[in-house]
């Protein structure tokens, strides 16, 4: 918006058209414009200009804004929808809010299982393909399984 306010326009109509385009790009805000006629020094010399050196420079748009609550609420309601399904149809025993809280707590449980599945949790990994290798490994380890 600051960048837009710095732009200069040669006529008031151009400034109004440009503001309308800008307002359409930002529907979440209620924008009001004030078109200001600027005067200034055009010769490029330093210092305060004399009164006769002050000439018309162009038009600038000053913008005031406020949040468009209706559009923001509509946008927030449109995003973030999901469906949770359950086999329990008794709403008195398991209301919607409880289903949602149980679903959110599920990540804590899954995090614990992630730790157990992590390869660094195991002391050593052994890949045994044949039943004879499994029996030999069990005998070497000091544990004998008869039902292999």
C-alpha atoms as a PDB file:
ATOM      1  CA  UNK A   1       0.000   0.000   0.000  1.00  0.00           C
ATOM      2  CA  UNK A   2       2.889   2.367   0.742  1.00  0.00           C
ATOM      3  CA  UNK A   3       4.317   1.646  -2.690  1.00  0.00           C
ATOM      4  CA  UNK A   4       0.926   2.339  -4.278  1.00  0.00           C
ATOM      5  CA  UNK A   5       0.605   5.655  -2.424  1.00  0.00           C
ATOM      6  CA  UNK A   6       3.974   6.815  -3.800  1.00  0.00           C
ATOM      7  CA  UNK A   7       2.881   6.471  -7.422  1.00  0.00           C
ATOM      8  CA  UNK A   8       2.070   9.654  -9.327  1.00  0.00           C
ATOM      9  CA  UNK A   9      -0.704  10.093 -11.894  1.00  0.00           C
ATOM     10  CA  UNK A  10      -1.127  12.857 -14.455  1.00  0.00           C
ATOM     11  CA  UNK A  11      -4.901  13.085 -14.122  1.00  0.00           C
ATOM     12  CA  UNK A  12      -7.483  12.344 -11.476  1.00  0.00           C
ATOM     13  CA  UNK A  13      -9.244   9.706 -13.612  1.00  0.00           C
ATOM     14  CA  UNK A  14      -6.051   7.637 -13.901  1.00  0.00           C
ATOM     15  CA  UNK A  15      -5.626   7.739 -10.127  1.00  0.00           C
ATOM     16  CA  UNK A  16      -9.233   6.608  -9.593  1.00  0.00           C
ATOM     17  CA  UNK A  17      -8.893   3.731 -12.089  1.00  0.00           C
ATOM     18  CA  UNK A  18      -5.675   2.605 -10.492  1.00  0.00           C
ATOM     19  CA  UNK A  19      -7.272   2.701  -7.037  1.00  0.00           C
ATOM     20  CA  UNK A  20     -10.236   0.627  -8.255  1.00  0.00           C
ATOM     21  CA  UNK A  21      -7.850  -2.051  -9.575  1.00  0.00           C
ATOM     22  CA  UNK A  22      -5.944  -1.997  -6.290  1.00  0.00           C
ATOM     23  CA  UNK A  23      -9.161  -2.337  -4.257  1.00  0.00           C
ATOM     24  CA  UNK A  24     -10.288  -5.345  -6.330  1.00  0.00           C
ATOM     25  CA  UNK A  25      -6.980  -7.109  -5.608  1.00  0.00           C
ATOM     26  CA  UNK A  26      -7.513  -6.726  -1.834  1.00  0.00           C
ATOM     27  CA  UNK A  27     -11.078  -7.878  -1.072  1.00  0.00           C
ATOM     28  CA  UNK A  28     -10.371  -8.578   2.618  1.00  0.00           C
ATOM     29  CA  UNK A  29     -10.185  -4.828   3.312  1.00  0.00           C
ATOM     30  CA  UNK A  30     -12.582  -1.922   2.999  1.00  0.00           C
ATOM     31  CA  UNK A  31     -10.540   0.738   1.228  1.00  0.00           C
ATOM     32  CA  UNK A  32     -11.309   4.429   0.902  1.00  0.00           C
ATOM     33  CA  UNK A  33      -9.275   6.794  -1.218  1.00  0.00           C
ATOM     34  CA  UNK A  34      -8.393  10.436  -1.043  1.00  0.00           C
ATOM     35  CA  UNK A  35      -6.862  11.774  -4.251  1.00  0.00           C
ATOM     36  CA  UNK A  36      -4.360  14.538  -3.493  1.00  0.00           C
ATOM     37  CA  UNK A  37      -2.980  17.090  -5.954  1.00  0.00           C
ATOM     38  CA  UNK A  38       0.766  17.444  -5.510  1.00  0.00           C
ATOM     39  CA  UNK A  39       2.946  20.442  -6.236  1.00  0.00           C
ATOM     40  CA  UNK A  40       6.681  20.430  -6.139  1.00  0.00           C
ATOM     41  CA  UNK A  41       9.920  21.421  -7.730  1.00  0.00           C
ATOM     42  CA  UNK A  42      10.454  19.978 -11.189  1.00  0.00           C
ATOM     43  CA  UNK A  43      13.937  21.345 -12.023  1.00  0.00           C
ATOM     44  CA  UNK A  44      15.911  18.902  -9.840  1.00  0.00           C
ATOM     45  CA  UNK A  45      17.816  21.556  -7.870  1.00  0.00           C
ATOM     46  CA  UNK A  46      18.399  21.115  -4.146  1.00  0.00           C
ATOM     47  CA  UNK A  47      16.725  23.275  -1.537  1.00  0.00           C
ATOM     48  CA  UNK A  48      13.320  24.794  -0.964  1.00  0.00           C
ATOM     49  CA  UNK A  49      11.713  25.923  -4.192  1.00  0.00           C
ATOM     50  CA  UNK A  50      10.655  29.505  -4.766  1.00  0.00           C
ATOM     51  CA  UNK A  51       6.949  30.141  -5.116  1.00  0.00           C
ATOM     52  CA  UNK A  52       7.245  30.577  -8.880  1.00  0.00           C
ATOM     53  CA  UNK A  53       9.125  27.243  -9.164  1.00  0.00           C
ATOM     54  CA  UNK A  54       6.294  25.304  -7.553  1.00  0.00           C
ATOM     55  CA  UNK A  55       4.490  23.656 -10.377  1.00  0.00           C
ATOM     56  CA  UNK A  56       1.960  20.861 -10.676  1.00  0.00           C
ATOM     57  CA  UNK A  57       3.633  17.495 -10.122  1.00  0.00           C
ATOM     58  CA  UNK A  58       0.696  15.077 -10.358  1.00  0.00           C
ATOM     59  CA  UNK A  59      -1.950  13.265  -8.351  1.00  0.00           C
ATOM     60  CA  UNK A  60      -1.365  10.814  -5.545  1.00  0.00           C
ATOM     61  CA  UNK A  61      -3.784   8.465  -3.804  1.00  0.00           C
ATOM     62  CA  UNK A  62      -3.934   8.320  -0.017  1.00  0.00           C
ATOM     63  CA  UNK A  63      -5.636   5.185   1.275  1.00  0.00           C
ATOM     64  CA  UNK A  64      -7.440   4.436   4.513  1.00  0.00           C
ATOM     65  CA  UNK A  65      -8.413   0.854   5.243  1.00  0.00           C
ATOM     66  CA  UNK A  66     -10.289  -1.356   7.653  1.00  0.00           C
ATOM     67  CA  UNK A  67     -10.789  -5.101   7.777  1.00  0.00           C
ATOM     68  CA  UNK A  68     -13.812  -6.460   5.883  1.00  0.00           C
ATOM     69  CA  UNK A  69     -15.142  -8.793   8.595  1.00  0.00           C
ATOM     70  CA  UNK A  70     -17.775 -10.441   6.387  1.00  0.00           C
ATOM     71  CA  UNK A  71     -15.246 -11.462   3.730  1.00  0.00           C
ATOM     72  CA  UNK A  72     -12.693 -12.610   6.324  1.00  0.00           C
ATOM     73  CA  UNK A  73     -15.252 -14.814   8.113  1.00  0.00           C
ATOM     74  CA  UNK A  74     -16.440 -16.231   4.789  1.00  0.00           C
ATOM     75  CA  UNK A  75     -12.836 -17.034   3.814  1.00  0.00           C
ATOM     76  CA  UNK A  76     -12.086 -18.644   7.190  1.00  0.00           C
ATOM     77  CA  UNK A  77     -15.212 -20.796   6.985  1.00  0.00           C
ATOM     78  CA  UNK A  78     -14.308 -21.964   3.474  1.00  0.00           C
ATOM     79  CA  UNK A  79     -10.951 -23.389   4.467  1.00  0.00           C
ATOM     80  CA  UNK A  80     -10.064 -26.103   6.932  1.00  0.00           C
ATOM     81  CA  UNK A  81     -12.883 -28.578   6.442  1.00  0.00           C
ATOM     82  CA  UNK A  82     -12.390 -32.264   7.131  1.00  0.00           C
ATOM     83  CA  UNK A  83     -14.502 -35.304   7.940  1.00  0.00           C
ATOM     84  CA  UNK A  84     -14.030 -37.690  10.839  1.00  0.00           C
ATOM     85  CA  UNK A  85     -15.833 -41.015  10.661  1.00  0.00           C
ATOM     86  CA  UNK A  86     -16.696 -43.456  13.410  1.00  0.00           C
ATOM     87  CA  UNK A  87     -18.638 -46.707  13.864  1.00  0.00           C
ATOM     88  CA  UNK A  88     -20.200 -45.473  17.095  1.00  0.00           C
ATOM     89  CA  UNK A  89     -23.529 -43.820  16.261  1.00  0.00           C
ATOM     90  CA  UNK A  90     -24.552 -43.012  19.830  1.00  0.00           C
ATOM     91  CA  UNK A  91     -24.056 -39.223  20.074  1.00  0.00           C
ATOM     92  CA  UNK A  92     -24.782 -39.164  23.806  1.00  0.00           C
ATOM     93  CA  UNK A  93     -21.887 -41.528  24.532  1.00  0.00           C
ATOM     94  CA  UNK A  94     -19.450 -40.038  21.995  1.00  0.00           C
ATOM     95  CA  UNK A  95     -20.394 -36.462  20.965  1.00  0.00           C
ATOM     96  CA  UNK A  96     -18.737 -34.652  18.049  1.00  0.00           C
ATOM     97  CA  UNK A  97     -16.411 -32.611  20.268  1.00  0.00           C
ATOM     98  CA  UNK A  98     -15.130 -35.775  21.957  1.00  0.00           C
ATOM     99  CA  UNK A  99     -14.472 -37.451  18.582  1.00  0.00           C
ATOM    100  CA  UNK A 100     -12.430 -34.416  17.532  1.00  0.00           C
ATOM    101  CA  UNK A 101     -10.415 -34.326  20.773  1.00  0.00           C
ATOM    102  CA  UNK A 102      -9.683 -38.070  20.526  1.00  0.00           C
ATOM    103  CA  UNK A 103      -8.545 -37.584  16.933  1.00  0.00           C
ATOM    104  CA  UNK A 104      -6.199 -34.775  17.953  1.00  0.00           C
ATOM    105  CA  UNK A 105      -4.760 -36.867  20.818  1.00  0.00           C
ATOM    106  CA  UNK A 106      -4.024 -39.694  18.379  1.00  0.00           C
ATOM    107  CA  UNK A 107      -0.806 -37.984  17.276  1.00  0.00           C
ATOM    108  CA  UNK A 108       0.670 -38.404  20.787  1.00  0.00           C
ATOM    109  CA  UNK A 109       0.127 -42.164  20.629  1.00  0.00           C
ATOM    110  CA  UNK A 110       1.508 -42.411  17.115  1.00  0.00           C
ATOM    111  CA  UNK A 111       4.589 -40.489  18.226  1.00  0.00           C
ATOM    112  CA  UNK A 112       5.294 -43.165  20.828  1.00  0.00           C
ATOM    113  CA  UNK A 113       5.014 -45.896  18.211  1.00  0.00           C
ATOM    114  CA  UNK A 114       7.324 -43.935  15.918  1.00  0.00           C
ATOM    115  CA  UNK A 115       9.988 -44.215  18.625  1.00  0.00           C
ATOM    116  CA  UNK A 116       9.568 -47.987  18.767  1.00  0.00           C
ATOM    117  CA  UNK A 117       9.842 -48.289  14.977  1.00  0.00           C
ATOM    118  CA  UNK A 118      12.965 -46.133  14.811  1.00  0.00           C
ATOM    119  CA  UNK A 119      16.018 -48.170  13.690  1.00  0.00           C
ATOM    120  CA  UNK A 120      18.249 -46.541  16.303  1.00  0.00           C
ATOM    121  CA  UNK A 121      16.052 -48.050  19.043  1.00  0.00           C
ATOM    122  CA  UNK A 122      17.257 -51.602  18.221  1.00  0.00           C
ATOM    123  CA  UNK A 123      20.658 -52.682  19.491  1.00  0.00           C
ATOM    124  CA  UNK A 124      21.426 -54.607  16.326  1.00  0.00           C
ATOM    125  CA  UNK A 125      19.481 -55.753  13.309  1.00  0.00           C
ATOM    126  CA  UNK A 126      19.776 -59.242  11.917  1.00  0.00           C
ATOM    127  CA  UNK A 127      18.284 -60.383   8.645  1.00  0.00           C
ATOM    128  CA  UNK A 128      17.598 -64.132   8.607  1.00  0.00           C
ATOM    129  CA  UNK A 129      16.056 -65.657   5.504  1.00  0.00           C
ATOM    130  CA  UNK A 130      16.134 -69.414   6.124  1.00  0.00           C
ATOM    131  CA  UNK A 131      14.509 -71.266   9.060  1.00  0.00           C
ATOM    132  CA  UNK A 132      17.865 -72.929   9.829  1.00  0.00           C
ATOM    133  CA  UNK A 133      19.441 -69.520  10.317  1.00  0.00           C
ATOM    134  CA  UNK A 134      16.672 -68.538  12.737  1.00  0.00           C
ATOM    135  CA  UNK A 135      17.195 -71.745  14.756  1.00  0.00           C
ATOM    136  CA  UNK A 136      20.979 -71.194  14.799  1.00  0.00           C
ATOM    137  CA  UNK A 137      20.576 -67.588  15.883  1.00  0.00           C
ATOM    138  CA  UNK A 138      18.229 -68.575  18.720  1.00  0.00           C
ATOM    139  CA  UNK A 139      20.685 -71.231  19.980  1.00  0.00           C
ATOM    140  CA  UNK A 140      23.596 -68.738  19.855  1.00  0.00           C
ATOM    141  CA  UNK A 141      21.565 -66.133  21.663  1.00  0.00           C
ATOM    142  CA  UNK A 142      20.811 -68.518  24.495  1.00  0.00           C
ATOM    143  CA  UNK A 143      17.071 -68.642  23.752  1.00  0.00           C
ATOM    144  CA  UNK A 144      15.637 -71.726  22.121  1.00  0.00           C
ATOM    145  CA  UNK A 145      12.228 -71.569  20.420  1.00  0.00           C
ATOM    146  CA  UNK A 146      10.783 -74.990  19.705  1.00  0.00           C
ATOM    147  CA  UNK A 147       7.871 -73.804  17.548  1.00  0.00           C
ATOM    148  CA  UNK A 148       9.800 -72.379  14.598  1.00  0.00           C
END
